[in-house]
Amino acid sequence: MKIVCHVRATEMLSRTYEVEVGNGTQFISWLAMTACLQFGQDHYPNGIYVPTLLTKNKDDGDVPHPRNRIKEEMEDGDHVTI
């Protein structure tokens, strides 16, 4: 299962990553942290970015609880904005 994550640091700076989540048993907070980790490795200067909000794109900006499991809230190929 893959989730497409759009990480937005500012209005002008954003990157998109496909995060492989396997069966989706991880927490949604794990998904946000993983996408931010990849962003921090790609962005210059390298840094540590902490997510403040994750919204689901297909549900008009629905904000899932960070402790819910990915498989409970999302399907393969869903898009989220962090």
PDB file of N, CA and C in Angstrom:
ATOM      1  N   MET A   1       0.853  -1.170   0.000  1.00  0.00           N
ATOM      2  CA  MET A   1       0.000   0.000   0.000  1.00  0.00           C
ATOM      3  C   MET A   1       0.903   1.238   0.000  1.00  0.00           C
ATOM      4  N   LYS A   2       0.594   2.197  -0.874  1.00  0.00           N
ATOM      5  CA  LYS A   2       1.361   3.437  -0.953  1.00  0.00           C
ATOM      6  C   LYS A   2       0.439   4.629  -0.713  1.00  0.00           C
ATOM      7  N   ILE A   3       0.967   5.609  -0.015  1.00  0.00           N
ATOM      8  CA  ILE A   3       0.262   6.864   0.213  1.00  0.00           C
ATOM      9  C   ILE A   3       1.114   7.974  -0.395  1.00  0.00           C
ATOM     10  N   VAL A   4       0.481   8.861  -1.162  1.00  0.00           N
ATOM     11  CA  VAL A   4       1.182   9.980  -1.781  1.00  0.00           C
ATOM     12  C   VAL A   4       1.100  11.159  -0.819  1.00  0.00           C
ATOM     13  N   CYS A   5       2.273  11.625  -0.376  1.00  0.00           N
ATOM     14  CA  CYS A   5       2.354  12.692   0.623  1.00  0.00           C
ATOM     15  C   CYS A   5       2.895  13.956  -0.021  1.00  0.00           C
ATOM     16  N   HIS A   6       2.150  15.038   0.104  1.00  0.00           N
ATOM     17  CA  HIS A   6       2.582  16.346  -0.365  1.00  0.00           C
ATOM     18  C   HIS A   6       3.030  17.131   0.862  1.00  0.00           C
ATOM     19  N   VAL A   7       4.336  17.362   0.983  1.00  0.00           N
ATOM     20  CA  VAL A   7       4.886  18.081   2.125  1.00  0.00           C
ATOM     21  C   VAL A   7       5.056  19.537   1.725  1.00  0.00           C
ATOM     22  N   ARG A   8       4.412  20.439   2.470  1.00  0.00           N
ATOM     23  CA  ARG A   8       4.487  21.866   2.185  1.00  0.00           C
ATOM     24  C   ARG A   8       5.172  22.581   3.341  1.00  0.00           C
ATOM     25  N   ALA A   9       6.377  23.104   3.059  1.00  0.00           N
ATOM     26  CA  ALA A   9       7.088  23.878   4.076  1.00  0.00           C
ATOM     27  C   ALA A   9       6.620  25.327   4.034  1.00  0.00           C
ATOM     28  N   THR A  10       6.429  25.851   2.833  1.00  0.00           N
ATOM     29  CA  THR A  10       5.904  27.202   2.633  1.00  0.00           C
ATOM     30  C   THR A  10       5.021  27.173   1.392  1.00  0.00           C
ATOM     31  N   GLU A  11       4.451  28.312   1.046  1.00  0.00           N
ATOM     32  CA  GLU A  11       3.639  28.387  -0.168  1.00  0.00           C
ATOM     33  C   GLU A  11       4.465  28.076  -1.410  1.00  0.00           C
ATOM     34  N   MET A  12       5.749  28.422  -1.376  1.00  0.00           N
ATOM     35  CA  MET A  12       6.616  28.263  -2.541  1.00  0.00           C
ATOM     36  C   MET A  12       7.410  26.954  -2.531  1.00  0.00           C
ATOM     37  N   LEU A  13       7.530  26.323  -1.384  1.00  0.00           N
ATOM     38  CA  LEU A  13       8.376  25.143  -1.247  1.00  0.00           C
ATOM     39  C   LEU A  13       7.546  23.941  -0.834  1.00  0.00           C
ATOM     40  N   SER A  14       7.438  22.980  -1.742  1.00  0.00           N
ATOM     41  CA  SER A  14       6.747  21.731  -1.419  1.00  0.00           C
ATOM     42  C   SER A  14       7.355  20.604  -2.239  1.00  0.00           C
ATOM     43  N   ARG A  15       7.227  19.415  -1.731  1.00  0.00           N
ATOM     44  CA  ARG A  15       7.730  18.219  -2.417  1.00  0.00           C
ATOM     45  C   ARG A  15       6.695  17.116  -2.241  1.00  0.00           C
ATOM     46  N   THR A  16       6.724  16.155  -3.166  1.00  0.00           N
ATOM     47  CA  THR A  16       5.791  15.033  -3.126  1.00  0.00           C
ATOM     48  C   THR A  16       6.572  13.728  -3.010  1.00  0.00           C
ATOM     49  N   TYR A  17       6.103  12.859  -2.121  1.00  0.00           N
ATOM     50  CA  TYR A  17       6.748  11.567  -1.886  1.00  0.00           C
ATOM     51  C   TYR A  17       5.688  10.476  -1.866  1.00  0.00           C
ATOM     52  N   GLU A  18       6.047   9.306  -2.407  1.00  0.00           N
ATOM     53  CA  GLU A  18       5.217   8.114  -2.259  1.00  0.00           C
ATOM     54  C   GLU A  18       5.810   7.303  -1.117  1.00  0.00           C
ATOM     55  N   VAL A  19       5.042   7.129  -0.068  1.00  0.00           N
ATOM     56  CA  VAL A  19       5.521   6.399   1.107  1.00  0.00           C
ATOM     57  C   VAL A  19       4.883   5.017   1.109  1.00  0.00           C
ATOM     58  N   GLU A  20       5.726   4.000   1.090  1.00  0.00           N
ATOM     59  CA  GLU A  20       5.267   2.610   1.159  1.00  0.00           C
ATOM     60  C   GLU A  20       4.953   2.289   2.612  1.00  0.00           C
ATOM     61  N   VAL A  21       3.693   1.924   2.893  1.00  0.00           N
ATOM     62  CA  VAL A  21       3.266   1.681   4.274  1.00  0.00           C
ATOM     63  C   VAL A  21       2.949   0.214   4.551  1.00  0.00           C
ATOM     64  N   GLY A  22       3.242  -0.665   3.613  1.00  0.00           N
ATOM     65  CA  GLY A  22       2.978  -2.096   3.820  1.00  0.00           C
ATOM     66  C   GLY A  22       1.496  -2.358   4.019  1.00  0.00           C
ATOM     67  N   ASN A  23       1.132  -2.992   5.119  1.00  0.00           N
ATOM     68  CA  ASN A  23      -0.275  -3.287   5.434  1.00  0.00           C
ATOM     69  C   ASN A  23      -1.010  -2.097   6.025  1.00  0.00           C
ATOM     70  N   GLY A  24      -0.292  -1.044   6.361  1.00  0.00           N
ATOM     71  CA  GLY A  24      -0.924   0.148   6.929  1.00  0.00           C
ATOM     72  C   GLY A  24      -1.220   0.052   8.406  1.00  0.00           C
ATOM     73  N   THR A  25      -0.461  -0.748   9.130  1.00  0.00           N
ATOM     74  CA  THR A  25      -0.718  -0.903  10.563  1.00  0.00           C
ATOM     75  C   THR A  25      -0.033   0.181  11.404  1.00  0.00           C
ATOM     76  N   GLN A  26       0.770   1.046  10.764  1.00  0.00           N
ATOM     77  CA  GLN A  26       1.433   2.122  11.496  1.00  0.00           C
ATOM     78  C   GLN A  26       0.422   3.224  11.818  1.00  0.00           C
ATOM     79  N   PHE A  27       0.821   4.088  12.748  1.00  0.00           N
ATOM     80  CA  PHE A  27      -0.009   5.237  13.082  1.00  0.00           C
ATOM     81  C   PHE A  27       0.100   6.297  11.986  1.00  0.00           C
ATOM     82  N   ILE A  28      -0.894   7.131  11.884  1.00  0.00           N
ATOM     83  CA  ILE A  28      -0.874   8.232  10.925  1.00  0.00           C
ATOM     84  C   ILE A  28       0.251   9.202  11.265  1.00  0.00           C
ATOM     85  N   SER A  29       0.567   9.354  12.535  1.00  0.00           N
ATOM     86  CA  SER A  29       1.684  10.216  12.927  1.00  0.00           C
ATOM     87  C   SER A  29       2.995   9.689  12.351  1.00  0.00           C
ATOM     88  N   TRP A  30       3.145   8.379  12.239  1.00  0.00           N
ATOM     89  CA  TRP A  30       4.335   7.787  11.632  1.00  0.00           C
ATOM     90  C   TRP A  30       4.446   8.200  10.167  1.00  0.00           C
ATOM     91  N   LEU A  31       3.330   8.200   9.452  1.00  0.00           N
ATOM     92  CA  LEU A  31       3.314   8.607   8.044  1.00  0.00           C
ATOM     93  C   LEU A  31       3.785  10.044   7.889  1.00  0.00           C
ATOM     94  N   ALA A  32       3.285  10.939   8.724  1.00  0.00           N
ATOM     95  CA  ALA A  32       3.673  12.341   8.656  1.00  0.00           C
ATOM     96  C   ALA A  32       5.150  12.519   8.984  1.00  0.00           C
ATOM     97  N   MET A  33       5.634  11.824  10.000  1.00  0.00           N
ATOM     98  CA  MET A  33       7.045  11.928  10.375  1.00  0.00           C
ATOM     99  C   MET A  33       7.956  11.380   9.281  1.00  0.00           C
ATOM    100  N   THR A  34       7.556  10.290   8.643  1.00  0.00           N
ATOM    101  CA  THR A  34       8.360   9.684   7.578  1.00  0.00           C
ATOM    102  C   THR A  34       8.459  10.612   6.374  1.00  0.00           C
ATOM    103  N   ALA A  35       7.354  11.227   5.996  1.00  0.00           N
ATOM    104  CA  ALA A  35       7.372  12.160   4.865  1.00  0.00           C
ATOM    105  C   ALA A  35       8.234  13.382   5.186  1.00  0.00           C
ATOM    106  N   CYS A  36       8.142  13.882   6.411  1.00  0.00           N
ATOM    107  CA  CYS A  36       8.964  15.034   6.809  1.00  0.00           C
ATOM    108  C   CYS A  36      10.438  14.662   6.879  1.00  0.00           C
ATOM    109  N   LEU A  37      10.746  13.448   7.274  1.00  0.00           N
ATOM    110  CA  LEU A  37      12.125  12.983   7.295  1.00  0.00           C
ATOM    111  C   LEU A  37      12.702  12.975   5.876  1.00  0.00           C
ATOM    112  N   GLN A  38      11.930  12.465   4.922  1.00  0.00           N
ATOM    113  CA  GLN A  38      12.389  12.462   3.533  1.00  0.00           C
ATOM    114  C   GLN A  38      12.562  13.887   3.010  1.00  0.00           C
ATOM    115  N   PHE A  39      11.644  14.770   3.380  1.00  0.00           N
ATOM    116  CA  PHE A  39      11.755  16.171   2.977  1.00  0.00           C
ATOM    117  C   PHE A  39      13.029  16.792   3.544  1.00  0.00           C
ATOM    118  N   GLY A  40      13.328  16.531   4.787  1.00  0.00           N
ATOM    119  CA  GLY A  40      14.520  17.071   5.423  1.00  0.00           C
ATOM    120  C   GLY A  40      15.804  16.579   4.783  1.00  0.00           C
ATOM    121  N   GLN A  41      15.788  15.378   4.229  1.00  0.00           N
ATOM    122  CA  GLN A  41      16.966  14.840   3.561  1.00  0.00           C
ATOM    123  C   GLN A  41      17.125  15.405   2.152  1.00  0.00           C
ATOM    124  N   ASP A  42      16.017  15.764   1.492  1.00  0.00           N
ATOM    125  CA  ASP A  42      16.056  16.292   0.126  1.00  0.00           C
ATOM    126  C   ASP A  42      16.287  17.795   0.082  1.00  0.00           C
ATOM    127  N   HIS A  43      15.798  18.491   1.067  1.00  0.00           N
ATOM    128  CA  HIS A  43      15.822  19.955   1.061  1.00  0.00           C
ATOM    129  C   HIS A  43      17.197  20.464   1.479  1.00  0.00           C
ATOM    130  N   TYR A  44      17.632  21.570   0.866  1.00  0.00           N
ATOM    131  CA  TYR A  44      18.903  22.178   1.273  1.00  0.00           C
ATOM    132  C   TYR A  44      18.618  23.450   2.035  1.00  0.00           C
ATOM    133  N   PRO A  45      19.163  23.710   3.182  1.00  0.00           N
ATOM    134  CA  PRO A  45      20.064  22.819   3.909  1.00  0.00           C
ATOM    135  C   PRO A  45      19.287  21.701   4.583  1.00  0.00           C
ATOM    136  N   ASN A  46      19.950  20.573   4.740  1.00  0.00           N
ATOM    137  CA  ASN A  46      19.305  19.435   5.401  1.00  0.00           C
ATOM    138  C   ASN A  46      18.877  19.840   6.801  1.00  0.00           C
ATOM    139  N   GLY A  47      17.781  19.273   7.244  1.00  0.00           N
ATOM    140  CA  GLY A  47      17.298  19.628   8.571  1.00  0.00           C
ATOM    141  C   GLY A  47      16.289  18.634   9.080  1.00  0.00           C
ATOM    142  N   ILE A  48      15.778  18.920  10.240  1.00  0.00           N
ATOM    143  CA  ILE A  48      14.743  18.096  10.847  1.00  0.00           C
ATOM    144  C   ILE A  48      13.450  18.893  10.797  1.00  0.00           C
ATOM    145  N   TYR A  49      12.471  18.355  10.121  1.00  0.00           N
ATOM    146  CA  TYR A  49      11.174  19.015   9.989  1.00  0.00           C
ATOM    147  C   TYR A  49      10.145  18.205  10.766  1.00  0.00           C
ATOM    148  N   VAL A  50       9.342  18.896  11.542  1.00  0.00           N
ATOM    149  CA  VAL A  50       8.332  18.255  12.371  1.00  0.00           C
ATOM    150  C   VAL A  50       6.956  18.596  11.801  1.00  0.00           C
ATOM    151  N   PRO A  51       6.138  17.591  11.531  1.00  0.00           N
ATOM    152  CA  PRO A  51       4.815  17.876  10.970  1.00  0.00           C
ATOM    153  C   PRO A  51       3.894  18.529  12.000  1.00  0.00           C
ATOM    154  N   THR A  52       3.083  19.468  11.521  1.00  0.00           N
ATOM    155  CA  THR A  52       2.124  20.116  12.415  1.00  0.00           C
ATOM    156  C   THR A  52       0.682  19.766  12.063  1.00  0.00           C
ATOM    157  N   LEU A  53       0.447  19.310  10.819  1.00  0.00           N
ATOM    158  CA  LEU A  53      -0.914  19.000  10.398  1.00  0.00           C
ATOM    159  C   LEU A  53      -0.879  18.037   9.224  1.00  0.00           C
ATOM    160  N   LEU A  54      -1.745  17.049   9.225  1.00  0.00           N
ATOM    161  CA  LEU A  54      -1.920  16.141   8.099  1.00  0.00           C
ATOM    162  C   LEU A  54      -3.385  16.177   7.719  1.00  0.00           C
ATOM    163  N   THR A  55      -3.664  16.469   6.457  1.00  0.00           N
ATOM    164  CA  THR A  55      -5.045  16.486   5.971  1.00  0.00           C
ATOM    165  C   THR A  55      -5.186  15.523   4.807  1.00  0.00           C
ATOM    166  N   LYS A  56      -6.348  14.890   4.726  1.00  0.00           N
ATOM    167  CA  LYS A  56      -6.641  13.999   3.614  1.00  0.00           C
ATOM    168  C   LYS A  56      -7.233  14.829   2.475  1.00  0.00           C
ATOM    169  N   ASN A  57      -6.689  14.678   1.281  1.00  0.00           N
ATOM    170  CA  ASN A  57      -7.119  15.496   0.153  1.00  0.00           C
ATOM    171  C   ASN A  57      -8.483  15.089  -0.396  1.00  0.00           C
ATOM    172  N   LYS A  58      -8.806  13.796  -0.377  1.00  0.00           N
ATOM    173  CA  LYS A  58     -10.057  13.371  -1.010  1.00  0.00           C
ATOM    174  C   LYS A  58     -11.298  13.672  -0.158  1.00  0.00           C
ATOM    175  N   ASP A  59     -11.119  13.897   1.135  1.00  0.00           N
ATOM    176  CA  ASP A  59     -12.257  14.152   2.020  1.00  0.00           C
ATOM    177  C   ASP A  59     -12.382  15.627   2.387  1.00  0.00           C
ATOM    178  N   ASP A  60     -12.042  16.500   1.451  1.00  0.00           N
ATOM    179  CA  ASP A  60     -12.167  17.946   1.658  1.00  0.00           C
ATOM    180  C   ASP A  60     -11.418  18.425   2.892  1.00  0.00           C
ATOM    181  N   GLY A  61     -10.187  17.956   3.064  1.00  0.00           N
ATOM    182  CA  GLY A  61      -9.371  18.456   4.159  1.00  0.00           C
ATOM    183  C   GLY A  61      -9.651  17.832   5.509  1.00  0.00           C
ATOM    184  N   ASP A  62     -10.200  16.622   5.527  1.00  0.00           N
ATOM    185  CA  ASP A  62     -10.459  15.927   6.788  1.00  0.00           C
ATOM    186  C   ASP A  62      -9.133  15.694   7.521  1.00  0.00           C
ATOM    187  N   VAL A  63      -9.128  15.923   8.830  1.00  0.00           N
ATOM    188  CA  VAL A  63      -7.926  15.746   9.643  1.00  0.00           C
ATOM    189  C   VAL A  63      -8.117  14.491  10.497  1.00  0.00           C
ATOM    190  N   PRO A  64      -7.441  13.386  10.146  1.00  0.00           N
ATOM    191  CA  PRO A  64      -7.579  12.169  10.949  1.00  0.00           C
ATOM    192  C   PRO A  64      -6.773  12.273  12.241  1.00  0.00           C
ATOM    193  N   HIS A  65      -7.189  11.544  13.245  1.00  0.00           N
ATOM    194  CA  HIS A  65      -6.477  11.529  14.523  1.00  0.00           C
ATOM    195  C   HIS A  65      -5.108  10.882  14.315  1.00  0.00           C
ATOM    196  N   PRO A  66      -4.039  11.456  14.864  1.00  0.00           N
ATOM    197  CA  PRO A  66      -2.686  10.925  14.654  1.00  0.00           C
ATOM    198  C   PRO A  66      -2.464   9.510  15.172  1.00  0.00           C
ATOM    199  N   ARG A  67      -3.273   9.050  16.115  1.00  0.00           N
ATOM    200  CA  ARG A  67      -3.096   7.707  16.673  1.00  0.00           C
ATOM    201  C   ARG A  67      -3.971   6.656  15.995  1.00  0.00           C
ATOM    202  N   ASN A  68      -4.713   7.038  14.979  1.00  0.00           N
ATOM    203  CA  ASN A  68      -5.449   6.036  14.209  1.00  0.00           C
ATOM    204  C   ASN A  68      -4.479   5.311  13.282  1.00  0.00           C
ATOM    205  N   ARG A  69      -4.834   4.111  12.920  1.00  0.00           N
ATOM    206  CA  ARG A  69      -4.013   3.329  11.997  1.00  0.00           C
ATOM    207  C   ARG A  69      -4.252   3.818  10.567  1.00  0.00           C
ATOM    208  N   ILE A  70      -3.221   3.724   9.747  1.00  0.00           N
ATOM    209  CA  ILE A  70      -3.320   4.187   8.362  1.00  0.00           C
ATOM    210  C   ILE A  70      -4.399   3.409   7.622  1.00  0.00           C
ATOM    211  N   LYS A  71      -4.458   2.087   7.815  1.00  0.00           N
ATOM    212  CA  LYS A  71      -5.424   1.261   7.089  1.00  0.00           C
ATOM    213  C   LYS A  71      -6.872   1.567   7.477  1.00  0.00           C
ATOM    214  N   GLU A  72      -7.087   2.163   8.656  1.00  0.00           N
ATOM    215  CA  GLU A  72      -8.441   2.510   9.084  1.00  0.00           C
ATOM    216  C   GLU A  72      -8.941   3.786   8.410  1.00  0.00           C
ATOM    217  N   GLU A  73      -8.026   4.659   7.997  1.00  0.00           N
ATOM    218  CA  GLU A  73      -8.390   5.973   7.486  1.00  0.00           C
ATOM    219  C   GLU A  73      -8.161   6.151   5.982  1.00  0.00           C
ATOM    220  N   MET A  74      -7.253   5.332   5.407  1.00  0.00           N
ATOM    221  CA  MET A  74      -6.832   5.575   4.035  1.00  0.00           C
ATOM    222  C   MET A  74      -6.831   4.297   3.216  1.00  0.00           C
ATOM    223  N   GLU A  75      -6.799   4.494   1.883  1.00  0.00           N
ATOM    224  CA  GLU A  75      -6.722   3.393   0.943  1.00  0.00           C
ATOM    225  C   GLU A  75      -5.472   3.568   0.097  1.00  0.00           C
ATOM    226  N   ASP A  76      -5.114   2.527  -0.632  1.00  0.00           N
ATOM    227  CA  ASP A  76      -3.945   2.572  -1.496  1.00  0.00           C
ATOM    228  C   ASP A  76      -4.058   3.707  -2.504  1.00  0.00           C
ATOM    229  N   GLY A  77      -3.021   4.524  -2.597  1.00  0.00           N
ATOM    230  CA  GLY A  77      -2.985   5.620  -3.555  1.00  0.00           C
ATOM    231  C   GLY A  77      -3.606   6.922  -3.091  1.00  0.00           C
ATOM    232  N   ASP A  78      -4.080   6.979  -1.859  1.00  0.00           N
ATOM    233  CA  ASP A  78      -4.650   8.231  -1.336  1.00  0.00           C
ATOM    234  C   ASP A  78      -3.589   9.310  -1.254  1.00  0.00           C
ATOM    235  N   HIS A  79      -4.032  10.563  -1.336  1.00  0.00           N
ATOM    236  CA  HIS A  79      -3.158  11.724  -1.238  1.00  0.00           C
ATOM    237  C   HIS A  79      -3.420  12.447   0.074  1.00  0.00           C
ATOM    238  N   VAL A  80      -2.329  12.852   0.726  1.00  0.00           N
ATOM    239  CA  VAL A  80      -2.425  13.644   1.952  1.00  0.00           C
ATOM    240  C   VAL A  80      -1.504  14.850   1.830  1.00  0.00           C
ATOM    241  N   THR A  81      -1.829  15.904   2.551  1.00  0.00           N
ATOM    242  CA  THR A  81      -0.982  17.098   2.610  1.00  0.00           C
ATOM    243  C   THR A  81      -0.483  17.257   4.028  1.00  0.00           C
ATOM    244  N   ILE A  82       0.814  17.485   4.164  1.00  0.00           N
ATOM    245  CA  ILE A  82       1.432  17.635   5.479  1.00  0.00           C
ATOM    246  C   ILE A  82       2.041  19.019   5.561  1.00  0.00           C
TER     247      ILE A  82
END
